[in-house]
């Protein structure tokens, strides 16, 4: 469970890990057009991910989204991959971005990023550089990448079109 999430394979804590901390809602399907982005994507990775999703025929994991503003906290590349594939909906785990159990830190040393910057950028329809923000969530007193709440769902692409 302590495995570093940068490997692309997030650790998956037990559901009870969140019981007294952050309120998680069920995975729900959201129209792609309702989501607000705050970061650019990397075209090389987008193409690789799109091809993987097409090859699998499923989307393995939902994205993480603020339940009030629909700002994407994790999953920009999955969003764009599904758009390229022709999907209209995406599964998302909704969270309260204003919770003290969610923080944002920069990926690159020496840069500054805050929740307020993320919200202002997304609501203005602007984008930061790829991999500017790294959203973290407190689980059992430890900070982990927010992808740890994105449970495997394996939804067929046909259900997202």
C-alpha atoms as a PDB file:
ATOM      1  CA  UNK A   1       0.000   0.000   0.000  1.00  0.00           C
ATOM      2  CA  UNK A   2       2.973   2.321   0.411  1.00  0.00           C
ATOM      3  CA  UNK A   3       4.095   1.893  -3.213  1.00  0.00           C
ATOM      4  CA  UNK A   4       4.989   5.144  -4.982  1.00  0.00           C
ATOM      5  CA  UNK A   5       2.169   6.179  -7.291  1.00  0.00           C
ATOM      6  CA  UNK A   6       4.434   7.608 -10.027  1.00  0.00           C
ATOM      7  CA  UNK A   7       4.735   4.104 -11.451  1.00  0.00           C
ATOM      8  CA  UNK A   8       1.270   4.535 -12.960  1.00  0.00           C
ATOM      9  CA  UNK A   9      -0.061   1.717 -10.809  1.00  0.00           C
ATOM     10  CA  UNK A  10      -1.587   3.389  -7.756  1.00  0.00           C
ATOM     11  CA  UNK A  11      -1.869   1.640  -4.464  1.00  0.00           C
ATOM     12  CA  UNK A  12      -5.465   0.985  -3.489  1.00  0.00           C
ATOM     13  CA  UNK A  13      -6.182   1.500   0.206  1.00  0.00           C
ATOM     14  CA  UNK A  14      -9.115  -0.242   1.830  1.00  0.00           C
ATOM     15  CA  UNK A  15     -12.470   1.562   1.643  1.00  0.00           C
ATOM     16  CA  UNK A  16     -12.470   1.962   5.440  1.00  0.00           C
ATOM     17  CA  UNK A  17      -9.379   4.153   5.163  1.00  0.00           C
ATOM     18  CA  UNK A  18     -11.627   7.063   4.222  1.00  0.00           C
ATOM     19  CA  UNK A  19     -14.420   6.571   6.745  1.00  0.00           C
ATOM     20  CA  UNK A  20     -13.473   9.382   9.125  1.00  0.00           C
ATOM     21  CA  UNK A  21     -11.651  11.612   6.684  1.00  0.00           C
ATOM     22  CA  UNK A  22     -12.727  12.763   3.265  1.00  0.00           C
ATOM     23  CA  UNK A  23     -16.202  12.043   1.975  1.00  0.00           C
ATOM     24  CA  UNK A  24     -16.034  10.091  -1.268  1.00  0.00           C
ATOM     25  CA  UNK A  25     -19.000   9.697  -3.505  1.00  0.00           C
ATOM     26  CA  UNK A  26     -19.628   6.742  -5.771  1.00  0.00           C
ATOM     27  CA  UNK A  27     -18.206   6.587  -9.222  1.00  0.00           C
ATOM     28  CA  UNK A  28     -20.630   8.333 -11.559  1.00  0.00           C
ATOM     29  CA  UNK A  29     -20.741   9.036 -15.275  1.00  0.00           C
ATOM     30  CA  UNK A  30     -20.249  12.679 -16.244  1.00  0.00           C
ATOM     31  CA  UNK A  31     -20.665  14.276 -19.664  1.00  0.00           C
ATOM     32  CA  UNK A  32     -17.210  15.152 -20.977  1.00  0.00           C
ATOM     33  CA  UNK A  33     -18.355  18.667 -21.841  1.00  0.00           C
ATOM     34  CA  UNK A  34     -19.217  19.437 -18.198  1.00  0.00           C
ATOM     35  CA  UNK A  35     -15.646  18.977 -16.973  1.00  0.00           C
ATOM     36  CA  UNK A  36     -13.204  21.817 -16.440  1.00  0.00           C
ATOM     37  CA  UNK A  37      -9.503  21.371 -17.073  1.00  0.00           C
ATOM     38  CA  UNK A  38      -6.595  23.240 -15.525  1.00  0.00           C
ATOM     39  CA  UNK A  39      -3.608  21.558 -17.217  1.00  0.00           C
ATOM     40  CA  UNK A  40      -2.392  20.950 -20.734  1.00  0.00           C
ATOM     41  CA  UNK A  41      -1.690  17.383 -21.798  1.00  0.00           C
ATOM     42  CA  UNK A  42       1.375  15.722 -23.300  1.00  0.00           C
ATOM     43  CA  UNK A  43       0.480  14.661 -26.875  1.00  0.00           C
ATOM     44  CA  UNK A  44       2.926  11.729 -26.889  1.00  0.00           C
ATOM     45  CA  UNK A  45       1.416  10.244 -23.733  1.00  0.00           C
ATOM     46  CA  UNK A  46      -2.120  10.965 -24.953  1.00  0.00           C
ATOM     47  CA  UNK A  47      -1.582   8.894 -28.090  1.00  0.00           C
ATOM     48  CA  UNK A  48      -0.060   6.042 -26.088  1.00  0.00           C
ATOM     49  CA  UNK A  49      -2.951   6.061 -23.594  1.00  0.00           C
ATOM     50  CA  UNK A  50      -5.594   6.293 -26.335  1.00  0.00           C
ATOM     51  CA  UNK A  51      -4.100   3.255 -28.071  1.00  0.00           C
ATOM     52  CA  UNK A  52      -3.971   1.314 -24.796  1.00  0.00           C
ATOM     53  CA  UNK A  53      -7.622   2.080 -24.021  1.00  0.00           C
ATOM     54  CA  UNK A  54      -8.676   1.112 -27.560  1.00  0.00           C
ATOM     55  CA  UNK A  55      -6.675  -2.110 -27.367  1.00  0.00           C
ATOM     56  CA  UNK A  56      -8.226  -3.009 -24.010  1.00  0.00           C
ATOM     57  CA  UNK A  57     -11.731  -1.976 -25.108  1.00  0.00           C
ATOM     58  CA  UNK A  58     -12.326  -0.648 -21.596  1.00  0.00           C
ATOM     59  CA  UNK A  59     -11.508   2.300 -19.373  1.00  0.00           C
ATOM     60  CA  UNK A  60      -9.816   0.824 -16.338  1.00  0.00           C
ATOM     61  CA  UNK A  61     -10.031   3.707 -13.872  1.00  0.00           C
ATOM     62  CA  UNK A  62     -12.234   6.769 -13.289  1.00  0.00           C
ATOM     63  CA  UNK A  63     -10.873  10.286 -12.983  1.00  0.00           C
ATOM     64  CA  UNK A  64     -10.943  12.434  -9.810  1.00  0.00           C
ATOM     65  CA  UNK A  65     -13.169  15.521  -9.971  1.00  0.00           C
ATOM     66  CA  UNK A  66     -14.283  18.249  -7.562  1.00  0.00           C
ATOM     67  CA  UNK A  67     -17.987  17.623  -6.960  1.00  0.00           C
ATOM     68  CA  UNK A  68     -18.923  21.327  -6.877  1.00  0.00           C
ATOM     69  CA  UNK A  69     -17.014  22.783  -9.836  1.00  0.00           C
ATOM     70  CA  UNK A  70     -16.322  19.638 -11.930  1.00  0.00           C
ATOM     71  CA  UNK A  71     -12.653  20.625 -12.093  1.00  0.00           C
ATOM     72  CA  UNK A  72     -10.484  17.635 -12.962  1.00  0.00           C
ATOM     73  CA  UNK A  73      -7.956  16.894 -10.224  1.00  0.00           C
ATOM     74  CA  UNK A  74      -6.510  13.793 -11.883  1.00  0.00           C
ATOM     75  CA  UNK A  75      -7.254  12.344 -15.309  1.00  0.00           C
ATOM     76  CA  UNK A  76      -6.742  14.996 -18.000  1.00  0.00           C
ATOM     77  CA  UNK A  77      -5.156  12.480 -20.370  1.00  0.00           C
ATOM     78  CA  UNK A  78      -7.984   9.963 -19.862  1.00  0.00           C
ATOM     79  CA  UNK A  79     -10.476  12.716 -20.686  1.00  0.00           C
ATOM     80  CA  UNK A  80      -8.710  13.609 -23.933  1.00  0.00           C
ATOM     81  CA  UNK A  81      -8.216   9.960 -24.878  1.00  0.00           C
ATOM     82  CA  UNK A  82     -11.951   9.296 -24.512  1.00  0.00           C
ATOM     83  CA  UNK A  83     -12.745  12.412 -26.556  1.00  0.00           C
ATOM     84  CA  UNK A  84     -10.497  11.147 -29.368  1.00  0.00           C
ATOM     85  CA  UNK A  85     -12.181   7.748 -29.203  1.00  0.00           C
ATOM     86  CA  UNK A  86     -15.597   9.379 -29.545  1.00  0.00           C
ATOM     87  CA  UNK A  87     -16.940   8.853 -26.044  1.00  0.00           C
ATOM     88  CA  UNK A  88     -19.441  11.276 -24.530  1.00  0.00           C
ATOM     89  CA  UNK A  89     -19.180  10.295 -20.850  1.00  0.00           C
ATOM     90  CA  UNK A  90     -16.426   9.485 -18.375  1.00  0.00           C
ATOM     91  CA  UNK A  91     -16.555   7.770 -14.969  1.00  0.00           C
ATOM     92  CA  UNK A  92     -15.468  10.031 -12.128  1.00  0.00           C
ATOM     93  CA  UNK A  93     -14.936   9.862  -8.383  1.00  0.00           C
ATOM     94  CA  UNK A  94     -16.310  13.068  -6.898  1.00  0.00           C
ATOM     95  CA  UNK A  95     -14.555  14.680  -3.934  1.00  0.00           C
ATOM     96  CA  UNK A  96     -14.757  17.916  -1.967  1.00  0.00           C
ATOM     97  CA  UNK A  97     -11.726  19.874  -3.197  1.00  0.00           C
ATOM     98  CA  UNK A  98     -12.024  22.303  -0.291  1.00  0.00           C
ATOM     99  CA  UNK A  99     -11.449  19.549   2.243  1.00  0.00           C
ATOM    100  CA  UNK A 100      -8.247  19.912   4.284  1.00  0.00           C
ATOM    101  CA  UNK A 101      -7.626  16.247   3.416  1.00  0.00           C
ATOM    102  CA  UNK A 102      -6.827  17.251  -0.173  1.00  0.00           C
ATOM    103  CA  UNK A 103      -3.736  19.308  -0.978  1.00  0.00           C
ATOM    104  CA  UNK A 104      -1.948  20.329  -4.151  1.00  0.00           C
ATOM    105  CA  UNK A 105       1.806  20.454  -4.567  1.00  0.00           C
ATOM    106  CA  UNK A 106       3.946  21.143  -7.640  1.00  0.00           C
ATOM    107  CA  UNK A 107       5.504  18.252  -9.563  1.00  0.00           C
ATOM    108  CA  UNK A 108       8.594  20.352 -10.286  1.00  0.00           C
ATOM    109  CA  UNK A 109      10.809  21.751  -7.556  1.00  0.00           C
ATOM    110  CA  UNK A 110      10.801  25.513  -7.212  1.00  0.00           C
ATOM    111  CA  UNK A 111       7.341  26.043  -8.708  1.00  0.00           C
ATOM    112  CA  UNK A 112       4.308  27.261  -6.794  1.00  0.00           C
ATOM    113  CA  UNK A 113       0.768  25.995  -7.142  1.00  0.00           C
ATOM    114  CA  UNK A 114      -2.253  26.393  -4.869  1.00  0.00           C
ATOM    115  CA  UNK A 115      -5.852  25.218  -4.875  1.00  0.00           C
ATOM    116  CA  UNK A 116      -6.899  28.805  -5.536  1.00  0.00           C
ATOM    117  CA  UNK A 117      -4.646  28.924  -8.613  1.00  0.00           C
ATOM    118  CA  UNK A 118      -6.126  25.633  -9.882  1.00  0.00           C
ATOM    119  CA  UNK A 119      -9.713  26.846  -9.453  1.00  0.00           C
ATOM    120  CA  UNK A 120      -9.068  30.278 -10.992  1.00  0.00           C
ATOM    121  CA  UNK A 121      -7.258  28.769 -13.990  1.00  0.00           C
ATOM    122  CA  UNK A 122      -9.939  26.151 -14.659  1.00  0.00           C
ATOM    123  CA  UNK A 123     -12.886  28.516 -14.248  1.00  0.00           C
ATOM    124  CA  UNK A 124     -11.218  31.030 -16.590  1.00  0.00           C
ATOM    125  CA  UNK A 125     -10.866  28.307 -19.234  1.00  0.00           C
ATOM    126  CA  UNK A 126      -7.072  28.525 -19.148  1.00  0.00           C
ATOM    127  CA  UNK A 127      -4.445  25.789 -18.773  1.00  0.00           C
ATOM    128  CA  UNK A 128      -1.205  25.363 -16.849  1.00  0.00           C
ATOM    129  CA  UNK A 129       1.730  23.371 -18.201  1.00  0.00           C
ATOM    130  CA  UNK A 130       1.410  19.574 -18.131  1.00  0.00           C
ATOM    131  CA  UNK A 131       2.265  18.056 -14.769  1.00  0.00           C
ATOM    132  CA  UNK A 132       2.062  21.346 -12.874  1.00  0.00           C
ATOM    133  CA  UNK A 133      -0.173  20.097 -10.078  1.00  0.00           C
ATOM    134  CA  UNK A 134       0.092  16.952  -8.010  1.00  0.00           C
ATOM    135  CA  UNK A 135      -3.045  16.402  -5.946  1.00  0.00           C
ATOM    136  CA  UNK A 136      -2.570  14.541  -2.704  1.00  0.00           C
ATOM    137  CA  UNK A 137      -5.120  13.044  -0.331  1.00  0.00           C
ATOM    138  CA  UNK A 138      -4.683  12.153   3.337  1.00  0.00           C
ATOM    139  CA  UNK A 139      -5.357   8.456   3.909  1.00  0.00           C
ATOM    140  CA  UNK A 140      -4.911   7.018   7.397  1.00  0.00           C
ATOM    141  CA  UNK A 141      -2.799  10.045   8.324  1.00  0.00           C
ATOM    142  CA  UNK A 142      -0.470   9.727   5.323  1.00  0.00           C
ATOM    143  CA  UNK A 143      -0.429  11.817   2.148  1.00  0.00           C
ATOM    144  CA  UNK A 144      -0.841   9.806  -1.063  1.00  0.00           C
ATOM    145  CA  UNK A 145      -1.401  10.751  -4.678  1.00  0.00           C
ATOM    146  CA  UNK A 146      -5.128  11.228  -5.326  1.00  0.00           C
ATOM    147  CA  UNK A 147      -5.075   8.403  -7.871  1.00  0.00           C
ATOM    148  CA  UNK A 148      -5.219   6.001  -4.916  1.00  0.00           C
ATOM    149  CA  UNK A 149      -8.996   6.636  -4.723  1.00  0.00           C
ATOM    150  CA  UNK A 150      -9.546   5.818  -8.396  1.00  0.00           C
ATOM    151  CA  UNK A 151     -10.667   2.197  -8.083  1.00  0.00           C
ATOM    152  CA  UNK A 152     -10.442  -0.182 -11.014  1.00  0.00           C
ATOM    153  CA  UNK A 153     -13.806  -0.170 -12.782  1.00  0.00           C
ATOM    154  CA  UNK A 154     -13.161  -1.674 -16.241  1.00  0.00           C
ATOM    155  CA  UNK A 155     -16.075   0.004 -18.055  1.00  0.00           C
ATOM    156  CA  UNK A 156     -16.543  -1.035 -21.720  1.00  0.00           C
ATOM    157  CA  UNK A 157     -16.059   1.868 -24.145  1.00  0.00           C
ATOM    158  CA  UNK A 158     -19.508   1.238 -25.650  1.00  0.00           C
ATOM    159  CA  UNK A 159     -21.059   2.344 -22.346  1.00  0.00           C
ATOM    160  CA  UNK A 160     -19.209   5.669 -22.573  1.00  0.00           C
ATOM    161  CA  UNK A 161     -20.235   6.559 -26.142  1.00  0.00           C
END
